[in-house]
Amino acid sequence: MRHLIACLIAVLLVIVPDFGHGQCIAQQVKQRTTLKGHRGQIESIAFSPDGRMVATGGDDHSIKLWEVATEKLRATLTGHSDVVRSVAFSADGRTLASGGDDSTVRLWDLLAGKQTTLKGQFGMVFAVAFGGPNLLASAGPGPISTRDLATGREKARLSAGDRGVYSVAFSPDNRLLASAGGDNAVMVWDVDTGQVRIILKGHTHMVSSVAFSPDSKLLASASADCTIGLWDVATNKKWATLNGHDAWVMSVAFSGDGKLLASASGETCLLWSVATGKEILKVPTDAGSGARAVAFSSKGDLLAVGGADGRVQLWNIVSAKK
């Protein structure tokens, strides 16, 4: 019966301390809907800055744009000839960047409905990310490329070792760029100078995903060693190691207020309290779907989880002071 009314609306409720206000916060997740349209697994998810749209990239070589309010498919973007590994919105939400195994980076003008293919990328593209209004980073087996989209010129080519880069993320203040490497390390770069600020070591297998907290003070790293690292950006020290997954952690994302961290590792999606570094709940993903990619809306009230079967589950996140 429609998965028993989505597992009785799939409601979970936990109480975690809010150390900033001396009160307790009730964290509740309710399954809102499941978006179906991709054939093959989901590789990347991104919400538009205003939270009205969610973009998904997958193994079927396509990008899909979903309208959150209506839960309807708004557009399917085609042009990639292989797996789409990464999607990212620009700060104004007008442009979507994508990269994939066809060795291209594409820019999609969502208002004009036009597509531009950027030249100069070497090899497959595992990750793309926007920094500020005009800076785009892309990465893969070769060096990281940063490009000024206002001029169309490459700003820098950053050498991150010879074992590939699987994720890149700009800090929200646009001062730093982090990269997740196949050499088990996280590199943090100064955006203005293009110089390495620090190399963060501690994972024992490849690092697959990196994400900055909204205040740019913390950096999360997910790894094939089944752990998540939380790093203090100011001191370059590991603040916590999050243990709870029993498989390769593929994706991490901070909530809009920075209080929660979501992580995906194949069959499991977990939510963590950033204040305590403790697991607070397991999101009950559908059997056969699992969790390969996660993303929060900017307000932090909606979590998207992409699975191996091409479905994307949307979960409402509710916090209520007690």
Protein backbone atom coordinates (compact mmCIF):
# COMPACT_ATOMS: atom_id res chain seq x y z
CA MET A 1 0.00 0.00 0.00
CA ARG A 2 2.34 2.63 -1.36
CA HIS A 3 5.08 1.34 0.95
CA LEU A 4 2.53 1.36 3.81
CA ILE A 5 1.86 5.07 3.30
CA ALA A 6 5.59 5.75 3.09
CA CYS A 7 6.24 3.76 6.25
CA LEU A 8 3.52 5.64 8.10
CA ILE A 9 4.95 8.90 6.78
CA ALA A 10 8.34 7.78 8.06
CA VAL A 11 8.47 9.97 11.15
CA LEU A 12 11.43 9.87 13.49
CA LEU A 13 11.88 12.07 16.55
CA VAL A 14 14.98 12.54 18.65
CA ILE A 15 16.04 15.06 21.28
CA VAL A 16 19.50 16.59 21.06
CA PRO A 17 20.99 19.35 23.17
CA ASP A 18 21.34 22.84 21.73
CA PHE A 19 24.41 24.05 23.59
CA GLY A 20 24.18 27.54 22.17
CA HIS A 21 20.87 28.27 23.91
CA GLY A 22 20.79 25.86 26.83
CA GLN A 23 17.62 24.24 25.56
CA CYS A 24 16.75 21.02 23.82
CA ILE A 25 15.77 20.78 20.20
CA ALA A 26 13.46 18.10 18.86
CA GLN A 27 14.74 16.91 15.49
CA GLN A 28 12.05 15.30 13.42
CA VAL A 29 12.21 14.00 9.85
CA LYS A 30 9.15 13.31 7.77
CA GLN A 31 9.31 11.88 4.29
CA ARG A 32 7.79 14.43 1.97
CA THR A 33 7.98 12.67 -1.38
CA THR A 34 10.06 10.53 -3.71
CA LEU A 35 11.19 11.97 -7.04
CA LYS A 36 11.36 9.39 -9.80
CA GLY A 37 12.79 9.91 -13.27
CA HIS A 38 16.43 8.84 -13.49
CA ARG A 39 17.47 5.48 -14.88
CA GLY A 40 20.45 4.33 -12.87
CA GLN A 41 21.98 5.66 -9.69
CA ILE A 42 22.12 9.27 -8.51
CA GLU A 43 25.62 10.75 -8.39
CA SER A 44 24.99 14.33 -7.25
CA ILE A 45 22.28 16.57 -5.80
CA ALA A 46 22.13 20.35 -5.40
CA PHE A 47 19.45 22.76 -4.22
CA SER A 48 19.11 26.17 -5.80
CA PRO A 49 20.06 29.01 -3.39
CA ASP A 50 16.41 29.98 -2.91
CA GLY A 51 15.44 26.36 -2.24
CA ARG A 52 12.82 26.29 -4.98
CA MET A 53 14.60 23.85 -7.28
CA VAL A 54 16.68 20.74 -6.83
CA ALA A 55 19.05 19.44 -9.51
CA THR A 56 20.13 15.81 -9.80
CA GLY A 57 22.80 14.21 -11.96
CA GLY A 58 22.99 10.52 -12.66
CA ASP A 59 24.34 7.51 -14.45
CA ASP A 60 21.80 7.96 -17.26
CA HIS A 61 23.87 10.90 -18.61
CA SER A 62 21.13 13.39 -17.73
CA ILE A 63 20.44 16.22 -15.30
CA LYS A 64 16.95 16.69 -13.96
CA LEU A 65 15.49 19.86 -12.48
CA TRP A 66 12.70 19.40 -9.97
CA GLU A 67 10.38 22.07 -8.59
CA VAL A 68 10.22 21.62 -4.83
CA ALA A 69 6.81 23.23 -4.23
CA THR A 70 4.98 21.06 -6.76
CA GLU A 71 7.36 18.08 -6.56
CA LYS A 72 7.25 17.96 -10.35
CA LEU A 73 9.98 17.46 -12.95
CA ARG A 74 10.53 20.84 -14.58
CA ALA A 75 13.22 19.94 -17.13
CA THR A 76 15.65 17.26 -18.25
CA LEU A 77 18.99 18.63 -19.41
CA THR A 78 20.77 16.48 -21.97
CA GLY A 79 24.15 16.92 -23.59
CA HIS A 80 26.53 14.83 -21.53
CA SER A 81 27.45 11.58 -23.23
CA ASP A 82 28.41 9.74 -20.06
CA VAL A 83 27.76 9.68 -16.30
CA VAL A 84 27.06 13.09 -14.72
CA ARG A 85 29.19 13.12 -11.58
CA SER A 86 28.52 16.57 -10.17
CA VAL A 87 26.04 19.46 -10.34
CA ALA A 88 26.20 22.89 -8.68
CA PHE A 89 24.15 26.10 -8.76
CA SER A 90 25.64 29.56 -9.07
CA ALA A 91 25.04 32.01 -6.19
CA ASP A 92 22.19 33.73 -8.06
CA GLY A 93 20.63 30.41 -9.08
CA ARG A 94 20.58 31.33 -12.75
CA THR A 95 23.35 28.99 -13.86
CA LEU A 96 23.88 25.30 -13.24
CA ALA A 97 27.32 23.74 -13.71
CA SER A 98 27.81 20.06 -14.38
CA GLY A 99 30.73 17.73 -14.92
CA GLY A 100 31.02 14.10 -15.87
CA ASP A 101 32.82 11.13 -17.30
CA ASP A 102 32.63 12.58 -20.81
CA SER A 103 35.46 14.96 -19.79
CA THR A 104 33.33 18.10 -20.12
CA VAL A 105 32.20 20.90 -17.86
CA ARG A 106 28.91 22.38 -18.97
CA LEU A 107 27.18 25.58 -17.96
CA TRP A 108 23.40 25.71 -18.25
CA ASP A 109 21.71 29.11 -18.44
CA LEU A 110 18.44 28.21 -16.76
CA LEU A 111 16.65 31.39 -17.82
CA ALA A 112 17.66 31.38 -21.48
CA GLY A 113 17.72 27.60 -21.80
CA LYS A 114 21.21 27.64 -23.30
CA GLN A 115 24.18 25.36 -22.76
CA THR A 116 27.91 26.18 -22.93
CA THR A 117 30.71 23.64 -22.89
CA LEU A 118 33.93 24.87 -21.29
CA LYS A 119 37.22 23.98 -22.91
CA GLY A 120 40.49 23.07 -21.28
CA GLN A 121 39.43 20.44 -18.73
CA PHE A 122 41.72 17.41 -18.63
CA GLY A 123 40.11 14.00 -18.29
CA MET A 124 36.91 13.04 -16.54
CA VAL A 125 35.24 15.58 -14.26
CA PHE A 126 34.35 14.29 -10.81
CA ALA A 127 33.40 17.57 -9.16
CA VAL A 128 32.32 21.14 -9.85
CA ALA A 129 31.70 24.00 -7.40
CA PHE A 130 30.95 27.72 -7.55
CA GLY A 131 32.81 30.28 -5.46
CA GLY A 132 31.22 33.72 -5.41
CA PRO A 133 29.42 35.05 -8.47
CA ASN A 134 31.96 34.21 -11.17
CA LEU A 135 34.45 31.59 -9.99
CA LEU A 136 34.06 27.92 -10.91
CA ALA A 137 36.26 25.04 -9.81
CA SER A 138 36.33 21.66 -11.53
CA ALA A 139 38.33 18.58 -10.67
CA GLY A 140 39.04 15.02 -11.74
CA PRO A 141 42.04 12.75 -12.28
CA GLY A 142 44.23 15.73 -13.19
CA PRO A 143 44.76 19.18 -11.67
CA ILE A 144 41.98 21.32 -10.24
CA SER A 145 40.95 24.10 -12.61
CA THR A 146 39.53 27.41 -11.38
CA ARG A 147 37.96 29.65 -13.98
CA ASP A 148 36.74 33.24 -13.99
CA LEU A 149 33.39 32.97 -15.74
CA ALA A 150 33.21 36.74 -16.30
CA THR A 151 36.22 36.57 -18.63
CA GLY A 152 36.01 32.91 -19.58
CA ARG A 153 39.67 32.48 -18.67
CA GLU A 154 41.28 29.91 -16.42
CA LYS A 155 42.47 31.59 -13.23
CA ALA A 156 44.62 28.79 -11.84
CA ARG A 157 45.53 25.15 -12.26
CA LEU A 158 46.12 23.53 -8.88
CA SER A 159 48.13 20.34 -8.56
CA ALA A 160 46.50 18.03 -6.02
CA GLY A 161 48.59 14.92 -6.50
CA ASP A 162 48.36 12.07 -8.97
CA ARG A 163 45.51 10.03 -7.44
CA GLY A 164 42.60 12.23 -8.43
CA VAL A 165 40.25 14.71 -6.75
CA TYR A 166 36.72 13.53 -6.06
CA SER A 167 35.12 16.59 -4.49
CA VAL A 168 35.74 20.32 -4.24
CA ALA A 169 34.03 22.95 -2.08
CA PHE A 170 34.47 26.67 -1.58
CA SER A 171 34.03 28.11 1.91
CA PRO A 172 30.91 30.31 2.08
CA ASP A 173 33.13 33.38 2.60
CA ASN A 174 34.90 32.41 -0.68
CA ARG A 175 38.34 32.61 0.89
CA LEU A 176 39.19 28.90 0.80
CA LEU A 177 38.84 25.94 -1.54
CA ALA A 178 38.93 22.39 -0.19
CA SER A 179 39.61 19.28 -2.26
CA ALA A 180 39.07 15.61 -1.45
CA GLY A 181 41.82 13.38 -2.75
CA GLY A 182 42.47 9.81 -3.71
CA ASP A 183 45.66 10.10 -1.65
CA ASN A 184 43.59 10.00 1.59
CA ALA A 185 44.13 13.70 2.27
CA VAL A 186 42.18 16.96 2.18
CA MET A 187 43.93 19.96 0.69
CA VAL A 188 42.84 23.48 1.61
CA TRP A 189 43.78 26.26 -0.80
CA ASP A 190 43.86 30.05 -0.52
CA VAL A 191 41.55 31.21 -3.32
CA ASP A 192 43.31 34.55 -3.89
CA THR A 193 46.86 33.21 -4.12
CA GLY A 194 46.20 29.68 -5.36
CA GLN A 195 48.61 28.39 -2.73
CA VAL A 196 48.05 25.39 -0.47
CA ARG A 197 47.22 26.55 3.04
CA ILE A 198 47.24 23.15 4.73
CA ILE A 199 47.06 19.44 3.95
CA LEU A 200 44.75 17.65 6.38
CA LYS A 201 45.74 14.05 7.06
CA GLY A 202 43.98 11.45 9.13
CA HIS A 203 41.87 9.32 6.81
CA THR A 204 43.21 5.90 5.94
CA HIS A 205 41.49 5.60 2.54
CA MET A 206 40.45 7.96 -0.25
CA VAL A 207 38.45 11.07 0.64
CA SER A 208 35.27 11.22 -1.42
CA SER A 209 33.44 14.37 -0.28
CA VAL A 210 34.14 17.70 1.45
CA ALA A 211 31.78 20.41 2.71
CA PHE A 212 32.19 23.65 4.67
CA SER A 213 29.84 24.71 7.43
CA PRO A 214 27.74 27.84 6.65
CA ASP A 215 29.96 30.02 8.88
CA SER A 216 33.12 28.69 7.16
CA LYS A 217 34.52 27.58 10.54
CA LEU A 218 34.28 23.82 10.08
CA LEU A 219 35.16 21.48 7.24
CA ALA A 220 33.68 17.99 6.94
CA SER A 221 35.40 15.21 5.01
CA ALA A 222 33.91 11.84 4.08
CA SER A 223 36.06 8.83 3.31
CA ALA A 224 36.14 5.26 2.08
CA ASP A 225 37.50 4.40 5.55
CA CYS A 226 33.84 4.62 6.73
CA THR A 227 34.47 7.75 8.82
CA ILE A 228 33.77 11.48 8.64
CA GLY A 229 36.29 14.05 9.82
CA LEU A 230 35.29 17.41 11.28
CA TRP A 231 38.12 19.92 11.02
CA ASP A 232 38.51 23.32 12.70
CA VAL A 233 39.42 25.66 9.83
CA ALA A 234 41.10 28.25 12.07
CA THR A 235 43.46 25.79 13.78
CA ASN A 236 43.64 23.14 11.02
CA LYS A 237 43.02 20.51 13.71
CA LYS A 238 40.59 17.60 13.55
CA TRP A 239 37.80 18.44 15.97
CA ALA A 240 36.01 15.10 15.78
CA THR A 241 35.88 11.78 13.98
CA LEU A 242 32.36 10.57 13.32
CA ASN A 243 31.95 6.80 13.42
CA GLY A 244 28.65 5.17 12.54
CA HIS A 245 28.81 4.03 8.94
CA ASP A 246 29.97 0.54 8.05
CA ALA A 247 30.69 1.35 4.40
CA TRP A 248 32.37 3.96 2.23
CA VAL A 249 30.95 7.41 3.05
CA MET A 250 30.23 8.99 -0.32
CA SER A 251 28.67 12.35 0.50
CA VAL A 252 28.34 14.90 3.32
CA ALA A 253 26.35 18.13 3.66
CA PHE A 254 25.75 20.71 6.40
CA SER A 255 22.29 22.04 7.18
CA GLY A 256 21.64 25.73 6.55
CA ASP A 257 22.07 26.65 10.22
CA GLY A 258 25.16 24.48 10.58
CA LYS A 259 23.70 22.41 13.42
CA LEU A 260 23.24 19.19 11.46
CA LEU A 261 25.42 17.14 9.15
CA ALA A 262 24.00 14.55 6.77
CA SER A 263 26.07 11.69 5.39
CA ALA A 264 25.45 8.96 2.83
CA SER A 265 27.18 5.59 2.52
CA GLY A 266 25.48 3.33 0.06
CA GLU A 267 22.60 1.85 2.04
CA THR A 268 22.61 4.34 4.93
CA CYS A 269 21.91 8.03 5.48
CA LEU A 270 22.76 9.41 8.92
CA LEU A 271 22.11 12.74 10.62
CA TRP A 272 24.67 14.05 13.10
CA SER A 273 24.69 16.79 15.72
CA VAL A 274 27.58 19.08 14.82
CA ALA A 275 27.73 20.44 18.38
CA THR A 276 28.34 17.01 19.91
CA GLY A 277 29.73 15.02 16.99
CA LYS A 278 27.16 12.33 17.81
CA GLU A 279 24.81 10.43 15.52
CA ILE A 280 21.23 11.48 16.23
CA LEU A 281 19.22 9.43 13.76
CA LYS A 282 19.25 7.13 10.79
CA VAL A 283 17.11 8.31 7.89
CA PRO A 284 14.99 5.30 6.81
CA THR A 285 15.75 5.22 3.10
CA ASP A 286 13.70 2.94 0.88
CA ALA A 287 14.86 -0.64 0.47
CA GLY A 288 16.85 -1.00 -2.74
CA SER A 289 17.42 2.73 -3.02
CA GLY A 290 19.98 3.46 -0.33
CA ALA A 291 21.92 6.70 -0.14
CA ARG A 292 24.67 7.87 -2.48
CA ALA A 293 24.30 11.66 -2.36
CA VAL A 294 22.85 14.15 0.12
CA ALA A 295 22.03 17.86 0.07
CA PHE A 296 20.22 20.31 2.36
CA SER A 297 18.14 23.26 1.21
CA SER A 298 19.61 26.63 2.21
CA LYS A 299 17.09 27.00 5.04
CA GLY A 300 17.96 23.55 6.29
CA ASP A 301 14.33 22.45 6.43
CA LEU A 302 14.60 19.96 3.58
CA LEU A 303 17.01 17.08 3.01
CA ALA A 304 17.42 15.34 -0.35
CA VAL A 305 18.82 11.80 -0.49
CA GLY A 306 19.73 10.25 -3.84
CA GLY A 307 19.82 6.50 -4.23
CA ALA A 308 21.24 3.71 -6.34
CA ASP A 309 17.90 3.08 -8.07
CA GLY A 310 17.60 6.62 -9.46
CA ARG A 311 15.09 7.83 -6.87
CA VAL A 312 15.49 10.97 -4.78
CA GLN A 313 13.77 11.12 -1.41
CA LEU A 314 12.88 14.49 0.06
CA TRP A 315 12.66 14.73 3.84
CA ASN A 316 11.25 17.60 5.90
CA ILE A 317 13.47 18.53 8.84
CA VAL A 318 11.62 20.05 11.80
CA SER A 319 13.25 21.58 14.87
CA ALA A 320 11.09 22.55 17.82
CA LYS A 321 12.41 24.05 21.07
CA LYS A 322 11.39 22.08 24.15
